[in-house]
């Protein structure tokens, strides 16, 4: 909250609160609807980056590109949710 609308990048990933699994948002334990509401409340409008190497690392070569495209969709969805709550 301290930076509010002055923040320019948020770095997100999900985990199970036991292992720092670096998976995509919505695949583990983080409450992303609440997070999106909080980001909207402080006026966050910066970039969203995902640290999803835990999601990608076990993908076979033929699924890496689709997994990356899906990751991009997840980041866009989060952006849309923040905007929806604004």
PDB file of N, CA and C in Angstrom:
ATOM      1  N   UNK A   1       0.797  -1.199   0.000  1.00  0.00           N
ATOM      2  CA  UNK A   1       0.000   0.000   0.000  1.00  0.00           C
ATOM      3  C   UNK A   1       0.840   1.264   0.000  1.00  0.00           C
ATOM      4  N   UNK A   2       2.049   1.174   0.479  1.00  0.00           N
ATOM      5  CA  UNK A   2       2.879   2.364   0.623  1.00  0.00           C
ATOM      6  C   UNK A   2       3.140   3.038  -0.718  1.00  0.00           C
ATOM      7  N   UNK A   3       3.332   2.258  -1.765  1.00  0.00           N
ATOM      8  CA  UNK A   3       3.612   2.855  -3.070  1.00  0.00           C
ATOM      9  C   UNK A   3       2.343   3.240  -3.810  1.00  0.00           C
ATOM     10  N   UNK A   4       1.261   2.510  -3.576  1.00  0.00           N
ATOM     11  CA  UNK A   4      -0.002   2.820  -4.222  1.00  0.00           C
ATOM     12  C   UNK A   4       0.127   2.909  -5.724  1.00  0.00           C
ATOM     13  N   UNK A   5      -0.355   3.983  -6.286  1.00  0.00           N
ATOM     14  CA  UNK A   5      -0.348   4.156  -7.735  1.00  0.00           C
ATOM     15  C   UNK A   5       1.043   4.486  -8.269  1.00  0.00           C
ATOM     16  N   UNK A   6       2.023   4.702  -7.390  1.00  0.00           N
ATOM     17  CA  UNK A   6       3.380   5.015  -7.842  1.00  0.00           C
ATOM     18  C   UNK A   6       4.179   3.774  -8.211  1.00  0.00           C
ATOM     19  N   UNK A   7       3.711   2.589  -7.845  1.00  0.00           N
ATOM     20  CA  UNK A   7       4.401   1.354  -8.219  1.00  0.00           C
ATOM     21  C   UNK A   7       4.316   1.153  -9.720  1.00  0.00           C
ATOM     22  N   UNK A   8       5.378   0.612 -10.309  1.00  0.00           N
ATOM     23  CA  UNK A   8       5.367   0.458 -11.763  1.00  0.00           C
ATOM     24  C   UNK A   8       5.402  -0.994 -12.221  1.00  0.00           C
ATOM     25  N   UNK A   9       5.769  -1.927 -11.346  1.00  0.00           N
ATOM     26  CA  UNK A   9       5.819  -3.350 -11.713  1.00  0.00           C
ATOM     27  C   UNK A   9       5.462  -4.180 -10.489  1.00  0.00           C
ATOM     28  N   UNK A  10       4.615  -5.175 -10.689  1.00  0.00           N
ATOM     29  CA  UNK A  10       4.343  -6.128  -9.623  1.00  0.00           C
ATOM     30  C   UNK A  10       4.751  -7.509 -10.120  1.00  0.00           C
ATOM     31  N   UNK A  11       5.396  -8.240  -9.262  1.00  0.00           N
ATOM     32  CA  UNK A  11       5.968  -9.554  -9.581  1.00  0.00           C
ATOM     33  C   UNK A  11       5.116 -10.589  -8.856  1.00  0.00           C
ATOM     34  N   UNK A  12       4.459 -11.481  -9.600  1.00  0.00           N
ATOM     35  CA  UNK A  12       3.534 -12.430  -8.995  1.00  0.00           C
ATOM     36  C   UNK A  12       3.887 -13.874  -9.324  1.00  0.00           C
ATOM     37  N   UNK A  13       3.600 -14.727  -8.379  1.00  0.00           N
ATOM     38  CA  UNK A  13       3.591 -16.171  -8.604  1.00  0.00           C
ATOM     39  C   UNK A  13       2.774 -16.768  -7.479  1.00  0.00           C
ATOM     40  N   UNK A  14       2.425 -18.013  -7.600  1.00  0.00           N
ATOM     41  CA  UNK A  14       1.626 -18.667  -6.575  1.00  0.00           C
ATOM     42  C   UNK A  14       2.441 -19.763  -5.922  1.00  0.00           C
ATOM     43  N   UNK A  15       2.056 -20.133  -4.719  1.00  0.00           N
ATOM     44  CA  UNK A  15       2.695 -21.235  -4.005  1.00  0.00           C
ATOM     45  C   UNK A  15       1.708 -21.791  -2.995  1.00  0.00           C
ATOM     46  N   UNK A  16       2.093 -22.841  -2.317  1.00  0.00           N
ATOM     47  CA  UNK A  16       1.200 -23.470  -1.346  1.00  0.00           C
ATOM     48  C   UNK A  16       1.512 -23.045   0.088  1.00  0.00           C
ATOM     49  N   UNK A  17       2.324 -22.016   0.265  1.00  0.00           N
ATOM     50  CA  UNK A  17       2.745 -21.478   1.558  1.00  0.00           C
ATOM     51  C   UNK A  17       3.663 -22.427   2.324  1.00  0.00           C
ATOM     52  N   UNK A  18       4.044 -23.538   1.709  1.00  0.00           N
ATOM     53  CA  UNK A  18       5.035 -24.444   2.279  1.00  0.00           C
ATOM     54  C   UNK A  18       6.276 -24.499   1.411  1.00  0.00           C
ATOM     55  N   UNK A  19       6.059 -24.544   0.106  1.00  0.00           N
ATOM     56  CA  UNK A  19       7.140 -24.614  -0.874  1.00  0.00           C
ATOM     57  C   UNK A  19       6.981 -23.431  -1.814  1.00  0.00           C
ATOM     58  N   UNK A  20       8.061 -22.727  -2.077  1.00  0.00           N
ATOM     59  CA  UNK A  20       8.034 -21.588  -2.997  1.00  0.00           C
ATOM     60  C   UNK A  20       8.071 -22.127  -4.421  1.00  0.00           C
ATOM     61  N   UNK A  21       6.911 -22.573  -4.906  1.00  0.00           N
ATOM     62  CA  UNK A  21       6.841 -23.356  -6.144  1.00  0.00           C
ATOM     63  C   UNK A  21       6.881 -22.531  -7.428  1.00  0.00           C
ATOM     64  N   UNK A  22       6.722 -21.233  -7.338  1.00  0.00           N
ATOM     65  CA  UNK A  22       6.780 -20.358  -8.523  1.00  0.00           C
ATOM     66  C   UNK A  22       5.862 -20.850  -9.634  1.00  0.00           C
ATOM     67  N   UNK A  23       4.631 -21.114  -9.286  1.00  0.00           N
ATOM     68  CA  UNK A  23       3.682 -21.537 -10.303  1.00  0.00           C
ATOM     69  C   UNK A  23       2.773 -20.371 -10.663  1.00  0.00           C
ATOM     70  N   UNK A  24       1.934 -20.581 -11.644  1.00  0.00           N
ATOM     71  CA  UNK A  24       1.040 -19.522 -12.105  1.00  0.00           C
ATOM     72  C   UNK A  24       0.030 -19.135 -11.030  1.00  0.00           C
ATOM     73  N   UNK A  25      -0.355 -17.863 -11.024  1.00  0.00           N
ATOM     74  CA  UNK A  25      -1.455 -17.461 -10.161  1.00  0.00           C
ATOM     75  C   UNK A  25      -2.689 -18.328 -10.420  1.00  0.00           C
ATOM     76  N   UNK A  26      -3.452 -18.541  -9.372  1.00  0.00           N
ATOM     77  CA  UNK A  26      -4.687 -19.327  -9.356  1.00  0.00           C
ATOM     78  C   UNK A  26      -4.446 -20.835  -9.309  1.00  0.00           C
ATOM     79  N   UNK A  27      -3.193 -21.303  -9.286  1.00  0.00           N
ATOM     80  CA  UNK A  27      -2.932 -22.741  -9.260  1.00  0.00           C
ATOM     81  C   UNK A  27      -2.543 -23.260  -7.879  1.00  0.00           C
ATOM     82  N   UNK A  28      -2.472 -22.380  -6.895  1.00  0.00           N
ATOM     83  CA  UNK A  28      -2.085 -22.839  -5.558  1.00  0.00           C
ATOM     84  C   UNK A  28      -2.955 -22.135  -4.512  1.00  0.00           C
ATOM     85  N   UNK A  29      -2.365 -21.460  -3.553  1.00  0.00           N
ATOM     86  CA  UNK A  29      -3.107 -21.009  -2.373  1.00  0.00           C
ATOM     87  C   UNK A  29      -3.382 -19.510  -2.259  1.00  0.00           C
ATOM     88  N   UNK A  30      -2.748 -18.687  -3.043  1.00  0.00           N
ATOM     89  CA  UNK A  30      -2.929 -17.245  -2.924  1.00  0.00           C
ATOM     90  C   UNK A  30      -4.344 -16.843  -3.326  1.00  0.00           C
ATOM     91  N   UNK A  31      -4.920 -15.925  -2.588  1.00  0.00           N
ATOM     92  CA  UNK A  31      -6.263 -15.433  -2.879  1.00  0.00           C
ATOM     93  C   UNK A  31      -6.150 -14.272  -3.870  1.00  0.00           C
ATOM     94  N   UNK A  32      -6.158 -14.586  -5.144  1.00  0.00           N
ATOM     95  CA  UNK A  32      -5.971 -13.550  -6.160  1.00  0.00           C
ATOM     96  C   UNK A  32      -7.144 -12.594  -6.291  1.00  0.00           C
ATOM     97  N   UNK A  33      -8.403 -13.008  -6.105  1.00  0.00           N
ATOM     98  CA  UNK A  33      -9.465 -12.001  -6.141  1.00  0.00           C
ATOM     99  C   UNK A  33      -9.258 -10.899  -5.088  1.00  0.00           C
ATOM    100  N   UNK A  34      -8.865 -11.285  -3.883  1.00  0.00           N
ATOM    101  CA  UNK A  34      -8.596 -10.280  -2.845  1.00  0.00           C
ATOM    102  C   UNK A  34      -7.401  -9.417  -3.202  1.00  0.00           C
ATOM    103  N   UNK A  35      -6.367 -10.032  -3.762  1.00  0.00           N
ATOM    104  CA  UNK A  35      -5.192  -9.267  -4.171  1.00  0.00           C
ATOM    105  C   UNK A  35      -5.551  -8.260  -5.254  1.00  0.00           C
ATOM    106  N   UNK A  36      -6.328  -8.681  -6.233  1.00  0.00           N
ATOM    107  CA  UNK A  36      -6.729  -7.764  -7.315  1.00  0.00           C
ATOM    108  C   UNK A  36      -7.556  -6.604  -6.770  1.00  0.00           C
ATOM    109  N   UNK A  37      -8.453  -6.895  -5.825  1.00  0.00           N
ATOM    110  CA  UNK A  37      -9.244  -5.822  -5.202  1.00  0.00           C
ATOM    111  C   UNK A  37      -8.348  -4.841  -4.464  1.00  0.00           C
ATOM    112  N   UNK A  38      -7.359  -5.363  -3.743  1.00  0.00           N
ATOM    113  CA  UNK A  38      -6.441  -4.488  -3.000  1.00  0.00           C
ATOM    114  C   UNK A  38      -5.619  -3.630  -3.950  1.00  0.00           C
ATOM    115  N   UNK A  39      -5.144  -4.226  -5.037  1.00  0.00           N
ATOM    116  CA  UNK A  39      -4.375  -3.449  -6.014  1.00  0.00           C
ATOM    117  C   UNK A  39      -5.233  -2.372  -6.657  1.00  0.00           C
ATOM    118  N   UNK A  40      -6.481  -2.688  -6.932  1.00  0.00           N
ATOM    119  CA  UNK A  40      -7.391  -1.681  -7.487  1.00  0.00           C
ATOM    120  C   UNK A  40      -7.620  -0.551  -6.482  1.00  0.00           C
ATOM    121  N   UNK A  41      -7.777  -0.917  -5.225  1.00  0.00           N
ATOM    122  CA  UNK A  41      -8.048   0.065  -4.173  1.00  0.00           C
ATOM    123  C   UNK A  41      -6.922   1.092  -4.051  1.00  0.00           C
ATOM    124  N   UNK A  42      -5.679   0.663  -4.266  1.00  0.00           N
ATOM    125  CA  UNK A  42      -4.568   1.616  -4.155  1.00  0.00           C
ATOM    126  C   UNK A  42      -4.231   2.265  -5.495  1.00  0.00           C
ATOM    127  N   UNK A  43      -4.991   1.944  -6.539  1.00  0.00           N
ATOM    128  CA  UNK A  43      -4.792   2.580  -7.833  1.00  0.00           C
ATOM    129  C   UNK A  43      -3.636   2.031  -8.637  1.00  0.00           C
ATOM    130  N   UNK A  44      -3.287   0.753  -8.414  1.00  0.00           N
ATOM    131  CA  UNK A  44      -2.163   0.183  -9.155  1.00  0.00           C
ATOM    132  C   UNK A  44      -2.502   0.082 -10.633  1.00  0.00           C
ATOM    133  N   UNK A  45      -1.594   0.583 -11.483  1.00  0.00           N
ATOM    134  CA  UNK A  45      -1.796   0.516 -12.932  1.00  0.00           C
ATOM    135  C   UNK A  45      -0.511   0.145 -13.668  1.00  0.00           C
ATOM    136  N   UNK A  46       0.467  -0.354 -12.941  1.00  0.00           N
ATOM    137  CA  UNK A  46       1.744  -0.702 -13.557  1.00  0.00           C
ATOM    138  C   UNK A  46       1.718  -2.063 -14.231  1.00  0.00           C
ATOM    139  N   UNK A  47       2.897  -2.527 -14.592  1.00  0.00           N
ATOM    140  CA  UNK A  47       3.041  -3.811 -15.270  1.00  0.00           C
ATOM    141  C   UNK A  47       2.866  -4.973 -14.303  1.00  0.00           C
ATOM    142  N   UNK A  48       2.563  -6.135 -14.864  1.00  0.00           N
ATOM    143  CA  UNK A  48       2.464  -7.376 -14.107  1.00  0.00           C
ATOM    144  C   UNK A  48       3.453  -8.352 -14.713  1.00  0.00           C
ATOM    145  N   UNK A  49       4.364  -8.861 -13.893  1.00  0.00           N
ATOM    146  CA  UNK A  49       5.283  -9.898 -14.352  1.00  0.00           C
ATOM    147  C   UNK A  49       5.015 -11.161 -13.553  1.00  0.00           C
ATOM    148  N   UNK A  50       5.155 -12.298 -14.200  1.00  0.00           N
ATOM    149  CA  UNK A  50       4.923 -13.583 -13.550  1.00  0.00           C
ATOM    150  C   UNK A  50       6.222 -14.356 -13.438  1.00  0.00           C
ATOM    151  N   UNK A  51       6.436 -14.938 -12.291  1.00  0.00           N
ATOM    152  CA  UNK A  51       7.562 -15.846 -12.103  1.00  0.00           C
ATOM    153  C   UNK A  51       6.972 -17.257 -12.092  1.00  0.00           C
ATOM    154  N   UNK A  52       6.862 -17.833 -13.279  1.00  0.00           N
ATOM    155  CA  UNK A  52       6.148 -19.105 -13.409  1.00  0.00           C
ATOM    156  C   UNK A  52       7.051 -20.244 -13.862  1.00  0.00           C
ATOM    157  N   UNK A  53       8.325 -20.159 -13.525  1.00  0.00           N
ATOM    158  CA  UNK A  53       9.234 -21.223 -13.951  1.00  0.00           C
ATOM    159  C   UNK A  53       8.829 -22.575 -13.371  1.00  0.00           C
ATOM    160  N   UNK A  54       8.176 -22.598 -12.219  1.00  0.00           N
ATOM    161  CA  UNK A  54       7.696 -23.854 -11.649  1.00  0.00           C
ATOM    162  C   UNK A  54       6.587 -24.473 -12.475  1.00  0.00           C
ATOM    163  N   UNK A  55       5.837 -23.647 -13.176  1.00  0.00           N
ATOM    164  CA  UNK A  55       4.779 -24.117 -14.070  1.00  0.00           C
ATOM    165  C   UNK A  55       5.360 -24.637 -15.378  1.00  0.00           C
ATOM    166  N   UNK A  56       6.387 -23.987 -15.880  1.00  0.00           N
ATOM    167  CA  UNK A  56       6.953 -24.290 -17.196  1.00  0.00           C
ATOM    168  C   UNK A  56       7.981 -25.423 -17.158  1.00  0.00           C
ATOM    169  N   UNK A  57       8.720 -25.551 -16.064  1.00  0.00           N
ATOM    170  CA  UNK A  57       9.926 -26.385 -16.062  1.00  0.00           C
ATOM    171  C   UNK A  57       9.705 -27.847 -16.428  1.00  0.00           C
ATOM    172  N   UNK A  58       8.559 -28.416 -16.142  1.00  0.00           N
ATOM    173  CA  UNK A  58       8.320 -29.828 -16.456  1.00  0.00           C
ATOM    174  C   UNK A  58       7.533 -30.051 -17.740  1.00  0.00           C
ATOM    175  N   UNK A  59       7.271 -28.969 -18.459  1.00  0.00           N
ATOM    176  CA  UNK A  59       6.524 -29.100 -19.711  1.00  0.00           C
ATOM    177  C   UNK A  59       7.394 -29.736 -20.784  1.00  0.00           C
ATOM    178  N   UNK A  60       6.828 -30.650 -21.565  1.00  0.00           N
ATOM    179  CA  UNK A  60       7.577 -31.154 -22.719  1.00  0.00           C
ATOM    180  C   UNK A  60       7.744 -30.030 -23.742  1.00  0.00           C
ATOM    181  N   UNK A  61       8.741 -30.154 -24.578  1.00  0.00           N
ATOM    182  CA  UNK A  61       9.045 -29.098 -25.546  1.00  0.00           C
ATOM    183  C   UNK A  61       7.818 -28.642 -26.325  1.00  0.00           C
ATOM    184  N   UNK A  62       6.975 -29.573 -26.699  1.00  0.00           N
ATOM    185  CA  UNK A  62       5.802 -29.232 -27.508  1.00  0.00           C
ATOM    186  C   UNK A  62       4.745 -28.435 -26.767  1.00  0.00           C
ATOM    187  N   UNK A  63       4.847 -28.346 -25.443  1.00  0.00           N
ATOM    188  CA  UNK A  63       3.871 -27.582 -24.661  1.00  0.00           C
ATOM    189  C   UNK A  63       4.426 -26.286 -24.095  1.00  0.00           C
ATOM    190  N   UNK A  64       5.694 -26.012 -24.298  1.00  0.00           N
ATOM    191  CA  UNK A  64       6.270 -24.793 -23.727  1.00  0.00           C
ATOM    192  C   UNK A  64       5.621 -23.538 -24.307  1.00  0.00           C
ATOM    193  N   UNK A  65       5.510 -23.455 -25.612  1.00  0.00           N
ATOM    194  CA  UNK A  65       4.894 -22.265 -26.209  1.00  0.00           C
ATOM    195  C   UNK A  65       3.439 -22.113 -25.769  1.00  0.00           C
ATOM    196  N   UNK A  66       2.606 -23.169 -25.836  1.00  0.00           N
ATOM    197  CA  UNK A  66       1.237 -23.002 -25.330  1.00  0.00           C
ATOM    198  C   UNK A  66       1.188 -22.619 -23.846  1.00  0.00           C
ATOM    199  N   UNK A  67       2.104 -23.154 -23.035  1.00  0.00           N
ATOM    200  CA  UNK A  67       2.142 -22.804 -21.616  1.00  0.00           C
ATOM    201  C   UNK A  67       2.501 -21.331 -21.431  1.00  0.00           C
ATOM    202  N   UNK A  68       3.425 -20.832 -22.237  1.00  0.00           N
ATOM    203  CA  UNK A  68       3.791 -19.416 -22.163  1.00  0.00           C
ATOM    204  C   UNK A  68       2.636 -18.529 -22.608  1.00  0.00           C
ATOM    205  N   UNK A  69       1.931 -18.947 -23.636  1.00  0.00           N
ATOM    206  CA  UNK A  69       0.770 -18.186 -24.105  1.00  0.00           C
ATOM    207  C   UNK A  69      -0.305 -18.167 -23.017  1.00  0.00           C
ATOM    208  N   UNK A  70      -0.534 -19.309 -22.372  1.00  0.00           N
ATOM    209  CA  UNK A  70      -1.494 -19.353 -21.274  1.00  0.00           C
ATOM    210  C   UNK A  70      -1.046 -18.455 -20.126  1.00  0.00           C
ATOM    211  N   UNK A  71       0.254 -18.454 -19.833  1.00  0.00           N
ATOM    212  CA  UNK A  71       0.783 -17.586 -18.784  1.00  0.00           C
ATOM    213  C   UNK A  71       0.473 -16.126 -19.091  1.00  0.00           C
ATOM    214  N   UNK A  72       0.640 -15.755 -20.337  1.00  0.00           N
ATOM    215  CA  UNK A  72       0.315 -14.381 -20.769  1.00  0.00           C
ATOM    216  C   UNK A  72      -1.164 -14.095 -20.561  1.00  0.00           C
ATOM    217  N   UNK A  73      -2.010 -15.085 -20.830  1.00  0.00           N
ATOM    218  CA  UNK A  73      -3.452 -14.931 -20.617  1.00  0.00           C
ATOM    219  C   UNK A  73      -3.776 -14.726 -19.142  1.00  0.00           C
ATOM    220  N   UNK A  74      -3.074 -15.433 -18.271  1.00  0.00           N
ATOM    221  CA  UNK A  74      -3.285 -15.280 -16.826  1.00  0.00           C
ATOM    222  C   UNK A  74      -2.914 -13.856 -16.398  1.00  0.00           C
ATOM    223  N   UNK A  75      -1.781 -13.352 -16.866  1.00  0.00           N
ATOM    224  CA  UNK A  75      -1.374 -11.984 -16.522  1.00  0.00           C
ATOM    225  C   UNK A  75      -2.400 -10.969 -17.035  1.00  0.00           C
ATOM    226  N   UNK A  76      -2.906 -11.181 -18.236  1.00  0.00           N
ATOM    227  CA  UNK A  76      -3.929 -10.276 -18.794  1.00  0.00           C
ATOM    228  C   UNK A  76      -5.211 -10.341 -17.978  1.00  0.00           C
ATOM    229  N   UNK A  77      -5.567 -11.530 -17.543  1.00  0.00           N
ATOM    230  CA  UNK A  77      -6.766 -11.696 -16.713  1.00  0.00           C
ATOM    231  C   UNK A  77      -6.622 -10.923 -15.399  1.00  0.00           C
ATOM    232  N   UNK A  78      -5.455 -11.013 -14.787  1.00  0.00           N
ATOM    233  CA  UNK A  78      -5.217 -10.284 -13.542  1.00  0.00           C
ATOM    234  C   UNK A  78      -5.338  -8.791 -13.784  1.00  0.00           C
ATOM    235  N   UNK A  79      -4.755  -8.314 -14.869  1.00  0.00           N
ATOM    236  CA  UNK A  79      -4.871  -6.891 -15.215  1.00  0.00           C
ATOM    237  C   UNK A  79      -6.342  -6.513 -15.369  1.00  0.00           C
ATOM    238  N   UNK A  80      -7.118  -7.338 -16.073  1.00  0.00           N
ATOM    239  CA  UNK A  80      -8.542  -7.058 -16.270  1.00  0.00           C
ATOM    240  C   UNK A  80      -9.304  -7.042 -14.937  1.00  0.00           C
ATOM    241  N   UNK A  81      -8.951  -7.947 -14.041  1.00  0.00           N
ATOM    242  CA  UNK A  81      -9.594  -7.988 -12.730  1.00  0.00           C
ATOM    243  C   UNK A  81      -9.280  -6.735 -11.929  1.00  0.00           C
ATOM    244  N   UNK A  82      -8.040  -6.288 -11.959  1.00  0.00           N
ATOM    245  CA  UNK A  82      -7.688  -5.045 -11.260  1.00  0.00           C
ATOM    246  C   UNK A  82      -8.507  -3.893 -11.825  1.00  0.00           C
ATOM    247  N   UNK A  83      -8.607  -3.816 -13.143  1.00  0.00           N
ATOM    248  CA  UNK A  83      -9.378  -2.747 -13.779  1.00  0.00           C
ATOM    249  C   UNK A  83     -10.860  -2.860 -13.429  1.00  0.00           C
ATOM    250  N   UNK A  84     -11.376  -4.082 -13.357  1.00  0.00           N
ATOM    251  CA  UNK A  84     -12.788  -4.287 -13.051  1.00  0.00           C
ATOM    252  C   UNK A  84     -13.120  -3.788 -11.647  1.00  0.00           C
ATOM    253  N   UNK A  85     -12.197  -3.967 -10.716  1.00  0.00           N
ATOM    254  CA  UNK A  85     -12.433  -3.537  -9.340  1.00  0.00           C
ATOM    255  C   UNK A  85     -12.125  -2.053  -9.122  1.00  0.00           C
ATOM    256  N   UNK A  86     -11.553  -1.401 -10.118  1.00  0.00           N
ATOM    257  CA  UNK A  86     -11.196   0.026  -9.976  1.00  0.00           C
ATOM    258  C   UNK A  86     -12.432   0.905 -10.004  1.00  0.00           C
TER     259      UNK A  86
END
